[in-house]
PDB file of all heavy atoms in Angstrom:
ATOM      1  N   ILE A   1     -45.413 -10.159  -7.499  1.00  0.00           N
ATOM      2  CA  ILE A   1     -45.550 -10.618  -8.883  1.00  0.00           C
ATOM      3  C   ILE A   1     -45.631  -9.461  -9.790  1.00  0.00           C
ATOM      4  O   ILE A   1     -44.895  -9.396 -10.825  1.00  0.00           O
ATOM      5  CB  ILE A   1     -46.767 -11.516  -9.001  1.00  0.00           C
ATOM      6  CG1 ILE A   1     -46.624 -12.800  -8.184  1.00  0.00           C
ATOM      7  CG2 ILE A   1     -46.994 -11.913 -10.494  1.00  0.00           C
ATOM      8  CD1 ILE A   1     -45.444 -13.671  -8.511  1.00  0.00           C
ATOM      9  N   ASN A   2     -46.534  -8.502  -9.626  1.00  0.00           N
ATOM     10  CA  ASN A   2     -46.798  -7.457 -10.581  1.00  0.00           C
ATOM     11  C   ASN A   2     -45.685  -6.404 -10.634  1.00  0.00           C
ATOM     12  O   ASN A   2     -45.488  -5.781 -11.674  1.00  0.00           O
ATOM     13  CB  ASN A   2     -48.165  -6.859 -10.309  1.00  0.00           C
ATOM     14  CG  ASN A   2     -49.261  -7.794 -10.705  1.00  0.00           C
ATOM     15  OD1 ASN A   2     -49.447  -8.077 -11.879  1.00  0.00           O
ATOM     16  ND2 ASN A   2     -50.077  -8.300  -9.721  1.00  0.00           N
ATOM     17  N   ARG A   3     -45.053  -6.192  -9.530  1.00  0.00           N
ATOM     18  CA  ARG A   3     -43.898  -5.212  -9.527  1.00  0.00           C
ATOM     19  C   ARG A   3     -42.622  -5.873  -9.894  1.00  0.00           C
ATOM     20  O   ARG A   3     -41.617  -5.180 -10.096  1.00  0.00           O
ATOM     21  CB  ARG A   3     -43.804  -4.559  -8.165  1.00  0.00           C
ATOM     22  CG  ARG A   3     -44.970  -3.688  -7.756  1.00  0.00           C
ATOM     23  CD  ARG A   3     -44.780  -2.917  -6.451  1.00  0.00           C
ATOM     24  NE  ARG A   3     -45.963  -2.177  -6.084  1.00  0.00           N
ATOM     25  CZ  ARG A   3     -46.331  -1.066  -6.581  1.00  0.00           C
ATOM     26  NH1 ARG A   3     -45.482  -0.378  -7.406  1.00  0.00           N
ATOM     27  NH2 ARG A   3     -47.405  -0.444  -6.220  1.00  0.00           N
ATOM     28  N   GLN A   4     -42.611  -7.238 -10.026  1.00  0.00           N
ATOM     29  CA  GLN A   4     -41.390  -7.955 -10.225  1.00  0.00           C
ATOM     30  C   GLN A   4     -40.313  -7.462  -9.274  1.00  0.00           C
ATOM     31  O   GLN A   4     -39.145  -7.242  -9.641  1.00  0.00           O
ATOM     32  CB  GLN A   4     -40.921  -7.807 -11.690  1.00  0.00           C
ATOM     33  CG  GLN A   4     -41.850  -8.586 -12.691  1.00  0.00           C
ATOM     34  CD  GLN A   4     -41.745 -10.041 -12.491  1.00  0.00           C
ATOM     35  OE1 GLN A   4     -40.799 -10.695 -13.032  1.00  0.00           O
ATOM     36  NE2 GLN A   4     -42.666 -10.586 -11.750  1.00  0.00           N
ATOM     37  N   ALA A   5     -40.660  -7.390  -8.003  1.00  0.00           N
ATOM     38  CA  ALA A   5     -39.823  -6.956  -6.989  1.00  0.00           C
ATOM     39  C   ALA A   5     -39.577  -8.121  -6.051  1.00  0.00           C
ATOM     40  O   ALA A   5     -40.218  -9.137  -6.070  1.00  0.00           O
ATOM     41  CB  ALA A   5     -40.338  -5.785  -6.158  1.00  0.00           C
ATOM     42  N   THR A   6     -38.482  -8.051  -5.173  1.00  0.00           N
ATOM     43  CA  THR A   6     -38.328  -9.195  -4.198  1.00  0.00           C
ATOM     44  C   THR A   6     -39.322  -9.016  -3.087  1.00  0.00           C
ATOM     45  O   THR A   6     -39.853  -7.953  -2.810  1.00  0.00           O
ATOM     46  CB  THR A   6     -36.840  -9.024  -3.632  1.00  0.00           C
ATOM     47  OG1 THR A   6     -36.711  -7.849  -2.840  1.00  0.00           O
ATOM     48  CG2 THR A   6     -35.849  -9.063  -4.728  1.00  0.00           C
ATOM     49  N   LEU A   7     -39.493 -10.146  -2.359  1.00  0.00           N
ATOM     50  CA  LEU A   7     -40.385 -10.128  -1.255  1.00  0.00           C
ATOM     51  C   LEU A   7     -39.925  -9.068  -0.178  1.00  0.00           C
ATOM     52  O   LEU A   7     -40.722  -8.367   0.421  1.00  0.00           O
ATOM     53  CB  LEU A   7     -40.509 -11.537  -0.647  1.00  0.00           C
ATOM     54  CG  LEU A   7     -41.339 -11.704   0.671  1.00  0.00           C
ATOM     55  CD1 LEU A   7     -42.742 -11.184   0.449  1.00  0.00           C
ATOM     56  CD2 LEU A   7     -41.266 -13.145   1.140  1.00  0.00           C
ATOM     57  N   ALA A   8     -38.637  -9.042   0.006  1.00  0.00           N
ATOM     58  CA  ALA A   8     -38.042  -8.128   1.029  1.00  0.00           C
ATOM     59  C   ALA A   8     -38.347  -6.710   0.641  1.00  0.00           C
ATOM     60  O   ALA A   8     -38.675  -5.870   1.482  1.00  0.00           O
ATOM     61  CB  ALA A   8     -36.535  -8.351   1.148  1.00  0.00           C
ATOM     62  N   GLU A   9     -38.229  -6.349  -0.641  1.00  0.00           N
ATOM     63  CA  GLU A   9     -38.428  -4.985  -1.101  1.00  0.00           C
ATOM     64  C   GLU A   9     -39.959  -4.576  -0.899  1.00  0.00           C
ATOM     65  O   GLU A   9     -40.222  -3.489  -0.456  1.00  0.00           O
ATOM     66  CB  GLU A   9     -38.106  -4.851  -2.587  1.00  0.00           C
ATOM     67  CG  GLU A   9     -36.636  -4.872  -2.895  1.00  0.00           C
ATOM     68  CD  GLU A   9     -36.311  -5.001  -4.354  1.00  0.00           C
ATOM     69  OE1 GLU A   9     -37.196  -5.439  -5.136  1.00  0.00           O
ATOM     70  OE2 GLU A   9     -35.165  -4.700  -4.700  1.00  0.00           O
ATOM     71  N   VAL A  10     -40.886  -5.527  -1.194  1.00  0.00           N
ATOM     72  CA  VAL A  10     -42.273  -5.193  -1.015  1.00  0.00           C
ATOM     73  C   VAL A  10     -42.636  -5.076   0.452  1.00  0.00           C
ATOM     74  O   VAL A  10     -43.419  -4.152   0.807  1.00  0.00           O
ATOM     75  CB  VAL A  10     -43.132  -6.355  -1.653  1.00  0.00           C
ATOM     76  CG1 VAL A  10     -44.601  -6.209  -1.237  1.00  0.00           C
ATOM     77  CG2 VAL A  10     -43.004  -6.289  -3.230  1.00  0.00           C
ATOM     78  N   LEU A  11     -42.117  -5.884   1.241  1.00  0.00           N
ATOM     79  CA  LEU A  11     -42.409  -5.848   2.707  1.00  0.00           C
ATOM     80  C   LEU A  11     -41.817  -4.540   3.273  1.00  0.00           C
ATOM     81  O   LEU A  11     -42.526  -3.841   4.059  1.00  0.00           O
ATOM     82  CB  LEU A  11     -41.779  -7.042   3.433  1.00  0.00           C
ATOM     83  CG  LEU A  11     -42.383  -8.401   3.143  1.00  0.00           C
ATOM     84  CD1 LEU A  11     -41.655  -9.494   3.915  1.00  0.00           C
ATOM     85  CD2 LEU A  11     -43.889  -8.426   3.513  1.00  0.00           C
ATOM     86  N   SER A  12     -40.647  -4.152   2.897  1.00  0.00           N
ATOM     87  CA  SER A  12     -40.002  -2.902   3.414  1.00  0.00           C
ATOM     88  C   SER A  12     -40.824  -1.741   3.028  1.00  0.00           C
ATOM     89  O   SER A  12     -40.975  -0.780   3.841  1.00  0.00           O
ATOM     90  CB  SER A  12     -38.583  -2.857   2.891  1.00  0.00           C
ATOM     91  OG  SER A  12     -37.994  -1.644   3.333  1.00  0.00           O
ATOM     92  N   SER A  13     -41.312  -1.689   1.721  1.00  0.00           N
ATOM     93  CA  SER A  13     -41.900  -0.429   1.272  1.00  0.00           C
ATOM     94  C   SER A  13     -43.386  -0.319   1.519  1.00  0.00           C
ATOM     95  O   SER A  13     -43.874   0.781   1.664  1.00  0.00           O
ATOM     96  CB  SER A  13     -41.671  -0.263  -0.256  1.00  0.00           C
ATOM     97  OG  SER A  13     -42.246  -1.408  -0.927  1.00  0.00           O
ATOM     98  N   ARG A  14     -44.087  -1.486   1.591  1.00  0.00           N
ATOM     99  CA  ARG A  14     -45.526  -1.447   1.714  1.00  0.00           C
ATOM    100  C   ARG A  14     -46.133  -2.193   2.892  1.00  0.00           C
ATOM    101  O   ARG A  14     -47.238  -1.890   3.280  1.00  0.00           O
ATOM    102  CB  ARG A  14     -46.115  -2.053   0.405  1.00  0.00           C
ATOM    103  CG  ARG A  14     -45.777  -1.136  -0.838  1.00  0.00           C
ATOM    104  CD  ARG A  14     -46.402  -1.623  -2.103  1.00  0.00           C
ATOM    105  NE  ARG A  14     -46.152  -0.635  -3.208  1.00  0.00           N
ATOM    106  CZ  ARG A  14     -46.943   0.341  -3.429  1.00  0.00           C
ATOM    107  NH1 ARG A  14     -48.148   0.405  -2.792  1.00  0.00           N
ATOM    108  NH2 ARG A  14     -46.690   1.232  -4.393  1.00  0.00           N
ATOM    109  N   TYR A  15     -45.430  -3.131   3.411  1.00  0.00           N
ATOM    110  CA  TYR A  15     -45.926  -3.903   4.522  1.00  0.00           C
ATOM    111  C   TYR A  15     -44.877  -4.085   5.598  1.00  0.00           C
ATOM    112  O   TYR A  15     -44.490  -5.149   6.003  1.00  0.00           O
ATOM    113  CB  TYR A  15     -46.391  -5.280   4.087  1.00  0.00           C
ATOM    114  CG  TYR A  15     -47.477  -5.342   3.057  1.00  0.00           C
ATOM    115  CD1 TYR A  15     -47.120  -5.231   1.684  1.00  0.00           C
ATOM    116  CD2 TYR A  15     -48.779  -5.470   3.391  1.00  0.00           C
ATOM    117  CE1 TYR A  15     -48.162  -5.297   0.729  1.00  0.00           C
ATOM    118  CE2 TYR A  15     -49.827  -5.481   2.445  1.00  0.00           C
ATOM    119  CZ  TYR A  15     -49.505  -5.427   1.133  1.00  0.00           C
ATOM    120  OH  TYR A  15     -50.489  -5.411   0.170  1.00  0.00           O
ATOM    121  N   PRO A  16     -44.368  -2.949   6.127  1.00  0.00           N
ATOM    122  CA  PRO A  16     -43.271  -3.028   7.112  1.00  0.00           C
ATOM    123  C   PRO A  16     -43.534  -3.861   8.368  1.00  0.00           C
ATOM    124  O   PRO A  16     -42.658  -4.475   8.924  1.00  0.00           O
ATOM    125  CB  PRO A  16     -42.951  -1.567   7.447  1.00  0.00           C
ATOM    126  CG  PRO A  16     -44.190  -0.832   7.051  1.00  0.00           C
ATOM    127  CD  PRO A  16     -44.759  -1.541   5.918  1.00  0.00           C
ATOM    128  N   TRP A  17     -44.860  -3.833   8.729  1.00  0.00           N
ATOM    129  CA  TRP A  17     -45.181  -4.644   9.938  1.00  0.00           C
ATOM    130  C   TRP A  17     -45.124  -6.091   9.747  1.00  0.00           C
ATOM    131  O   TRP A  17     -45.159  -6.915  10.716  1.00  0.00           O
ATOM    132  CB  TRP A  17     -46.614  -4.279  10.401  1.00  0.00           C
ATOM    133  CG  TRP A  17     -47.741  -4.717   9.533  1.00  0.00           C
ATOM    134  CD1 TRP A  17     -48.240  -4.038   8.463  1.00  0.00           C
ATOM    135  CD2 TRP A  17     -48.479  -5.926   9.594  1.00  0.00           C
ATOM    136  NE1 TRP A  17     -49.245  -4.711   7.881  1.00  0.00           N
ATOM    137  CE2 TRP A  17     -49.414  -5.873   8.527  1.00  0.00           C
ATOM    138  CE3 TRP A  17     -48.455  -7.062  10.391  1.00  0.00           C
ATOM    139  CZ2 TRP A  17     -50.316  -6.901   8.311  1.00  0.00           C
ATOM    140  CZ3 TRP A  17     -49.338  -8.031  10.234  1.00  0.00           C
ATOM    141  CH2 TRP A  17     -50.262  -8.038   9.125  1.00  0.00           C
ATOM    142  N   CYS A  18     -44.965  -6.525   8.445  1.00  0.00           N
ATOM    143  CA  CYS A  18     -44.866  -8.011   8.136  1.00  0.00           C
ATOM    144  C   CYS A  18     -43.419  -8.448   7.914  1.00  0.00           C
ATOM    145  O   CYS A  18     -43.175  -9.638   7.601  1.00  0.00           O
ATOM    146  CB  CYS A  18     -45.683  -8.343   6.900  1.00  0.00           C
ATOM    147  SG  CYS A  18     -47.442  -8.056   7.115  1.00  0.00           S
ATOM    148  N   GLU A  19     -42.481  -7.556   8.034  1.00  0.00           N
ATOM    149  CA  GLU A  19     -41.062  -7.885   7.749  1.00  0.00           C
ATOM    150  C   GLU A  19     -40.550  -9.049   8.564  1.00  0.00           C
ATOM    151  O   GLU A  19     -39.742  -9.924   8.085  1.00  0.00           O
ATOM    152  CB  GLU A  19     -40.149  -6.716   7.911  1.00  0.00           C
ATOM    153  CG  GLU A  19     -40.302  -5.677   6.801  1.00  0.00           C
ATOM    154  CD  GLU A  19     -39.307  -4.552   6.922  1.00  0.00           C
ATOM    155  OE1 GLU A  19     -39.515  -3.641   7.703  1.00  0.00           O
ATOM    156  OE2 GLU A  19     -38.317  -4.608   6.193  1.00  0.00           O
ATOM    157  N   ALA A  20     -41.028  -9.202   9.782  1.00  0.00           N
ATOM    158  CA  ALA A  20     -40.601 -10.349  10.658  1.00  0.00           C
ATOM    159  C   ALA A  20     -40.974 -11.669  10.127  1.00  0.00           C
ATOM    160  O   ALA A  20     -40.467 -12.681  10.484  1.00  0.00           O
ATOM    161  CB  ALA A  20     -41.060 -10.126  12.103  1.00  0.00           C
ATOM    162  N   HIS A  21     -41.961 -11.626   9.205  1.00  0.00           N
ATOM    163  CA  HIS A  21     -42.489 -12.962   8.693  1.00  0.00           C
ATOM    164  C   HIS A  21     -41.911 -13.290   7.262  1.00  0.00           C
ATOM    165  O   HIS A  21     -42.438 -14.097   6.592  1.00  0.00           O
ATOM    166  CB  HIS A  21     -44.081 -12.801   8.593  1.00  0.00           C
ATOM    167  CG  HIS A  21     -44.731 -12.549   9.863  1.00  0.00           C
ATOM    168  ND1 HIS A  21     -44.811 -13.443  10.919  1.00  0.00           N
ATOM    169  CD2 HIS A  21     -45.405 -11.482  10.310  1.00  0.00           C
ATOM    170  CE1 HIS A  21     -45.444 -12.914  11.929  1.00  0.00           C
ATOM    171  NE2 HIS A  21     -45.805 -11.777  11.592  1.00  0.00           N
ATOM    172  N   HIS A  22     -40.875 -12.627   6.911  1.00  0.00           N
ATOM    173  CA  HIS A  22     -40.332 -12.770   5.557  1.00  0.00           C
ATOM    174  C   HIS A  22     -40.143 -14.271   5.180  1.00  0.00           C
ATOM    175  O   HIS A  22     -40.663 -14.768   4.146  1.00  0.00           O
ATOM    176  CB  HIS A  22     -39.001 -12.017   5.414  1.00  0.00           C
ATOM    177  CG  HIS A  22     -38.255 -12.244   4.112  1.00  0.00           C
ATOM    178  ND1 HIS A  22     -37.518 -13.357   3.841  1.00  0.00           N
ATOM    179  CD2 HIS A  22     -38.268 -11.458   2.967  1.00  0.00           C
ATOM    180  CE1 HIS A  22     -37.050 -13.335   2.590  1.00  0.00           C
ATOM    181  NE2 HIS A  22     -37.504 -12.135   2.023  1.00  0.00           N
ATOM    182  N   ASP A  23     -39.473 -15.023   6.053  1.00  0.00           N
ATOM    183  CA  ASP A  23     -39.138 -16.401   5.670  1.00  0.00           C
ATOM    184  C   ASP A  23     -40.358 -17.258   5.595  1.00  0.00           C
ATOM    185  O   ASP A  23     -40.569 -18.121   4.759  1.00  0.00           O
ATOM    186  CB  ASP A  23     -38.101 -17.003   6.674  1.00  0.00           C
ATOM    187  CG  ASP A  23     -36.729 -16.259   6.530  1.00  0.00           C
ATOM    188  OD1 ASP A  23     -36.496 -15.634   5.545  1.00  0.00           O
ATOM    189  OD2 ASP A  23     -35.921 -16.455   7.469  1.00  0.00           O
ATOM    190  N   ASP A  24     -41.342 -17.052   6.580  1.00  0.00           N
ATOM    191  CA  ASP A  24     -42.538 -17.837   6.616  1.00  0.00           C
ATOM    192  C   ASP A  24     -43.463 -17.492   5.385  1.00  0.00           C
ATOM    193  O   ASP A  24     -44.090 -18.368   4.834  1.00  0.00           O
ATOM    194  CB  ASP A  24     -43.295 -17.620   7.849  1.00  0.00           C
ATOM    195  CG  ASP A  24     -42.712 -18.327   9.047  1.00  0.00           C
ATOM    196  OD1 ASP A  24     -42.021 -19.381   8.778  1.00  0.00           O
ATOM    197  OD2 ASP A  24     -42.948 -17.937  10.227  1.00  0.00           O
ATOM    198  N   LEU A  25     -43.421 -16.191   4.983  1.00  0.00           N
ATOM    199  CA  LEU A  25     -44.239 -15.843   3.782  1.00  0.00           C
ATOM    200  C   LEU A  25     -43.651 -16.456   2.563  1.00  0.00           C
ATOM    201  O   LEU A  25     -44.374 -16.866   1.685  1.00  0.00           O
ATOM    202  CB  LEU A  25     -44.208 -14.294   3.686  1.00  0.00           C
ATOM    203  CG  LEU A  25     -45.151 -13.544   4.618  1.00  0.00           C
ATOM    204  CD1 LEU A  25     -44.899 -12.070   4.632  1.00  0.00           C
ATOM    205  CD2 LEU A  25     -46.667 -13.803   4.227  1.00  0.00           C
ATOM    206  N   LYS A  26     -42.371 -16.540   2.468  1.00  0.00           N
ATOM    207  CA  LYS A  26     -41.701 -17.168   1.334  1.00  0.00           C
ATOM    208  C   LYS A  26     -42.079 -18.624   1.263  1.00  0.00           C
ATOM    209  O   LYS A  26     -42.408 -19.175   0.188  1.00  0.00           O
ATOM    210  CB  LYS A  26     -40.154 -17.038   1.458  1.00  0.00           C
ATOM    211  CG  LYS A  26     -39.408 -17.290   0.139  1.00  0.00           C
ATOM    212  CD  LYS A  26     -37.985 -16.759   0.224  1.00  0.00           C
ATOM    213  CE  LYS A  26     -37.298 -16.929  -1.071  1.00  0.00           C
ATOM    214  NZ  LYS A  26     -35.865 -16.415  -1.024  1.00  0.00           N
ATOM    215  N   ARG A  27     -42.107 -19.326   2.438  1.00  0.00           N
ATOM    216  CA  ARG A  27     -42.575 -20.716   2.479  1.00  0.00           C
ATOM    217  C   ARG A  27     -43.996 -20.831   2.006  1.00  0.00           C
ATOM    218  O   ARG A  27     -44.451 -21.762   1.227  1.00  0.00           O
ATOM    219  CB  ARG A  27     -42.456 -21.241   3.884  1.00  0.00           C
ATOM    220  CG  ARG A  27     -40.965 -21.614   4.315  1.00  0.00           C
ATOM    221  CD  ARG A  27     -40.947 -21.950   5.712  1.00  0.00           C
ATOM    222  NE  ARG A  27     -41.813 -23.045   6.067  1.00  0.00           N
ATOM    223  CZ  ARG A  27     -42.629 -23.133   7.145  1.00  0.00           C
ATOM    224  NH1 ARG A  27     -42.595 -22.167   8.054  1.00  0.00           N
ATOM    225  NH2 ARG A  27     -43.356 -24.201   7.325  1.00  0.00           N
ATOM    226  N   LEU A  28     -44.827 -19.868   2.523  1.00  0.00           N
ATOM    227  CA  LEU A  28     -46.261 -19.918   2.219  1.00  0.00           C
ATOM    228  C   LEU A  28     -46.499 -19.747   0.668  1.00  0.00           C
ATOM    229  O   LEU A  28     -47.279 -20.516   0.096  1.00  0.00           O
ATOM    230  CB  LEU A  28     -47.007 -18.745   2.921  1.00  0.00           C
ATOM    231  CG  LEU A  28     -48.439 -18.504   2.597  1.00  0.00           C
ATOM    232  CD1 LEU A  28     -49.279 -19.754   2.888  1.00  0.00           C
ATOM    233  CD2 LEU A  28     -48.974 -17.297   3.309  1.00  0.00           C
ATOM    234  N   PHE A  29     -45.791 -18.811   0.086  1.00  0.00           N
ATOM    235  CA  PHE A  29     -45.951 -18.585  -1.342  1.00  0.00           C
ATOM    236  C   PHE A  29     -45.474 -19.733  -2.184  1.00  0.00           C
ATOM    237  O   PHE A  29     -46.055 -20.018  -3.210  1.00  0.00           O
ATOM    238  CB  PHE A  29     -45.309 -17.213  -1.837  1.00  0.00           C
ATOM    239  CG  PHE A  29     -45.942 -16.017  -1.097  1.00  0.00           C
ATOM    240  CD1 PHE A  29     -45.127 -14.916  -0.853  1.00  0.00           C
ATOM    241  CD2 PHE A  29     -47.274 -16.016  -0.734  1.00  0.00           C
ATOM    242  CE1 PHE A  29     -45.725 -13.796  -0.254  1.00  0.00           C
ATOM    243  CE2 PHE A  29     -47.891 -14.912  -0.126  1.00  0.00           C
ATOM    244  CZ  PHE A  29     -47.041 -13.791   0.180  1.00  0.00           C
ATOM    245  N   ALA A  30     -44.411 -20.405  -1.729  1.00  0.00           N
ATOM    246  CA  ALA A  30     -43.928 -21.591  -2.432  1.00  0.00           C
ATOM    247  C   ALA A  30     -44.953 -22.699  -2.352  1.00  0.00           C
ATOM    248  O   ALA A  30     -45.223 -23.417  -3.388  1.00  0.00           O
ATOM    249  CB  ALA A  30     -42.611 -22.036  -1.747  1.00  0.00           C
ATOM    250  N   ALA A  31     -45.561 -22.867  -1.200  1.00  0.00           N
ATOM    251  CA  ALA A  31     -46.604 -23.850  -1.021  1.00  0.00           C
ATOM    252  C   ALA A  31     -47.879 -23.555  -1.846  1.00  0.00           C
ATOM    253  O   ALA A  31     -48.461 -24.464  -2.463  1.00  0.00           O
ATOM    254  CB  ALA A  31     -46.965 -24.042   0.447  1.00  0.00           C
ATOM    255  N   TYR A  32     -48.189 -22.310  -1.868  1.00  0.00           N
ATOM    256  CA  TYR A  32     -49.345 -21.826  -2.661  1.00  0.00           C
ATOM    257  C   TYR A  32     -49.109 -22.098  -4.145  1.00  0.00           C
ATOM    258  O   TYR A  32     -50.009 -22.592  -4.846  1.00  0.00           O
ATOM    259  CB  TYR A  32     -49.518 -20.329  -2.438  1.00  0.00           C
ATOM    260  CG  TYR A  32     -50.571 -19.592  -3.174  1.00  0.00           C
ATOM    261  CD1 TYR A  32     -51.865 -19.968  -3.133  1.00  0.00           C
ATOM    262  CD2 TYR A  32     -50.154 -18.508  -3.931  1.00  0.00           C
ATOM    263  CE1 TYR A  32     -52.844 -19.262  -3.901  1.00  0.00           C
ATOM    264  CE2 TYR A  32     -51.173 -17.786  -4.725  1.00  0.00           C
ATOM    265  CZ  TYR A  32     -52.454 -18.194  -4.655  1.00  0.00           C
ATOM    266  OH  TYR A  32     -53.400 -17.531  -5.466  1.00  0.00           O
ATOM    267  N   THR A  33     -47.936 -21.792  -4.588  1.00  0.00           N
ATOM    268  CA  THR A  33     -47.547 -22.019  -6.038  1.00  0.00           C
ATOM    269  C   THR A  33     -47.712 -23.467  -6.418  1.00  0.00           C
ATOM    270  O   THR A  33     -48.255 -23.887  -7.409  1.00  0.00           O
ATOM    271  CB  THR A  33     -46.202 -21.526  -6.349  1.00  0.00           C
ATOM    272  OG1 THR A  33     -46.159 -20.051  -6.108  1.00  0.00           O
ATOM    273  CG2 THR A  33     -45.790 -21.749  -7.783  1.00  0.00           C
ATOM    274  N   GLU A  34     -47.143 -24.300  -5.459  1.00  0.00           N
ATOM    275  CA  GLU A  34     -47.158 -25.764  -5.726  1.00  0.00           C
ATOM    276  C   GLU A  34     -48.606 -26.332  -5.725  1.00  0.00           C
ATOM    277  O   GLU A  34     -48.933 -27.153  -6.560  1.00  0.00           O
ATOM    278  CB  GLU A  34     -46.308 -26.461  -4.634  1.00  0.00           C
ATOM    279  CG  GLU A  34     -45.893 -27.865  -4.971  1.00  0.00           C
ATOM    280  CD  GLU A  34     -45.068 -27.929  -6.216  1.00  0.00           C
ATOM    281  OE1 GLU A  34     -44.097 -27.108  -6.296  1.00  0.00           O
ATOM    282  OE2 GLU A  34     -45.217 -28.862  -7.053  1.00  0.00           O
ATOM    283  N   ARG A  35     -49.360 -25.803  -4.836  1.00  0.00           N
ATOM    284  CA  ARG A  35     -50.751 -26.273  -4.778  1.00  0.00           C
ATOM    285  C   ARG A  35     -51.580 -25.923  -6.024  1.00  0.00           C
ATOM    286  O   ARG A  35     -52.401 -26.662  -6.462  1.00  0.00           O
ATOM    287  CB  ARG A  35     -51.488 -25.740  -3.490  1.00  0.00           C
ATOM    288  CG  ARG A  35     -52.598 -26.631  -2.968  1.00  0.00           C
ATOM    289  CD  ARG A  35     -53.039 -26.207  -1.607  1.00  0.00           C
ATOM    290  NE  ARG A  35     -53.901 -27.158  -1.033  1.00  0.00           N
ATOM    291  CZ  ARG A  35     -53.624 -28.001  -0.011  1.00  0.00           C
ATOM    292  NH1 ARG A  35     -52.415 -27.905   0.485  1.00  0.00           N
ATOM    293  NH2 ARG A  35     -54.488 -28.791   0.389  1.00  0.00           N
ATOM    294  N   LYS A  36     -51.358 -24.641  -6.483  1.00  0.00           N
ATOM    295  CA  LYS A  36     -52.023 -24.209  -7.684  1.00  0.00           C
ATOM    296  C   LYS A  36     -51.590 -25.171  -8.906  1.00  0.00           C
ATOM    297  O   LYS A  36     -52.491 -25.565  -9.668  1.00  0.00           O
ATOM    298  CB  LYS A  36     -51.698 -22.805  -8.001  1.00  0.00           C
ATOM    299  CG  LYS A  36     -52.428 -21.756  -7.117  1.00  0.00           C
ATOM    300  CD  LYS A  36     -52.059 -20.331  -7.570  1.00  0.00           C
ATOM    301  CE  LYS A  36     -50.629 -20.023  -7.415  1.00  0.00           C
ATOM    302  NZ  LYS A  36     -50.336 -18.626  -7.855  1.00  0.00           N
ATOM    303  N   LEU A  37     -50.368 -25.417  -9.034  1.00  0.00           N
ATOM    304  CA  LEU A  37     -49.879 -26.206 -10.129  1.00  0.00           C
ATOM    305  C   LEU A  37     -50.418 -27.600 -10.043  1.00  0.00           C
ATOM    306  O   LEU A  37     -50.868 -28.216 -11.065  1.00  0.00           O
ATOM    307  CB  LEU A  37     -48.408 -26.282 -10.152  1.00  0.00           C
ATOM    308  CG  LEU A  37     -47.698 -24.898 -10.544  1.00  0.00           C
ATOM    309  CD1 LEU A  37     -46.193 -25.019 -10.319  1.00  0.00           C
ATOM    310  CD2 LEU A  37     -47.986 -24.585 -12.049  1.00  0.00           C
ATOM    311  N   ASP A  38     -50.483 -28.134  -8.787  1.00  0.00           N
ATOM    312  CA  ASP A  38     -51.020 -29.521  -8.628  1.00  0.00           C
ATOM    313  C   ASP A  38     -52.526 -29.547  -8.911  1.00  0.00           C
ATOM    314  O   ASP A  38     -53.049 -30.574  -9.381  1.00  0.00           O
ATOM    315  CB  ASP A  38     -50.770 -29.914  -7.158  1.00  0.00           C
ATOM    316  CG  ASP A  38     -51.140 -31.383  -6.919  1.00  0.00           C
ATOM    317  OD1 ASP A  38     -50.703 -32.196  -7.668  1.00  0.00           O
ATOM    318  OD2 ASP A  38     -51.857 -31.638  -5.916  1.00  0.00           O
ATOM    319  N   ARG A  39     -53.253 -28.449  -8.675  1.00  0.00           N
ATOM    320  CA  ARG A  39     -54.709 -28.402  -8.921  1.00  0.00           C
ATOM    321  C   ARG A  39     -55.085 -27.828 -10.283  1.00  0.00           C
ATOM    322  O   ARG A  39     -56.233 -27.630 -10.552  1.00  0.00           O
ATOM    323  CB  ARG A  39     -55.383 -27.539  -7.820  1.00  0.00           C
ATOM    324  CG  ARG A  39     -55.874 -28.266  -6.641  1.00  0.00           C
ATOM    325  CD  ARG A  39     -54.763 -28.882  -5.822  1.00  0.00           C
ATOM    326  NE  ARG A  39     -55.261 -29.529  -4.584  1.00  0.00           N
ATOM    327  CZ  ARG A  39     -54.440 -30.186  -3.801  1.00  0.00           C
ATOM    328  NH1 ARG A  39     -53.173 -30.424  -4.104  1.00  0.00           N
ATOM    329  NH2 ARG A  39     -54.990 -30.776  -2.687  1.00  0.00           N
ATOM    330  N   ALA A  40     -54.068 -27.598 -11.140  1.00  0.00           N
ATOM    331  CA  ALA A  40     -54.291 -27.003 -12.452  1.00  0.00           C
ATOM    332  C   ALA A  40     -55.114 -25.697 -12.364  1.00  0.00           C
ATOM    333  O   ALA A  40     -56.113 -25.513 -13.009  1.00  0.00           O
ATOM    334  CB  ALA A  40     -55.030 -28.013 -13.354  1.00  0.00           C
TER     335      ALA A  40
END
């Protein structure tokens, strides 16, 4: 969010051990965003 970078860019530069979880993290952040909006 704060770097306005893609998830792939952040994982590659700062969390390389998490790169295998790219797709699941994307799903997680989508669910997190939806839950926040639903809960105001």
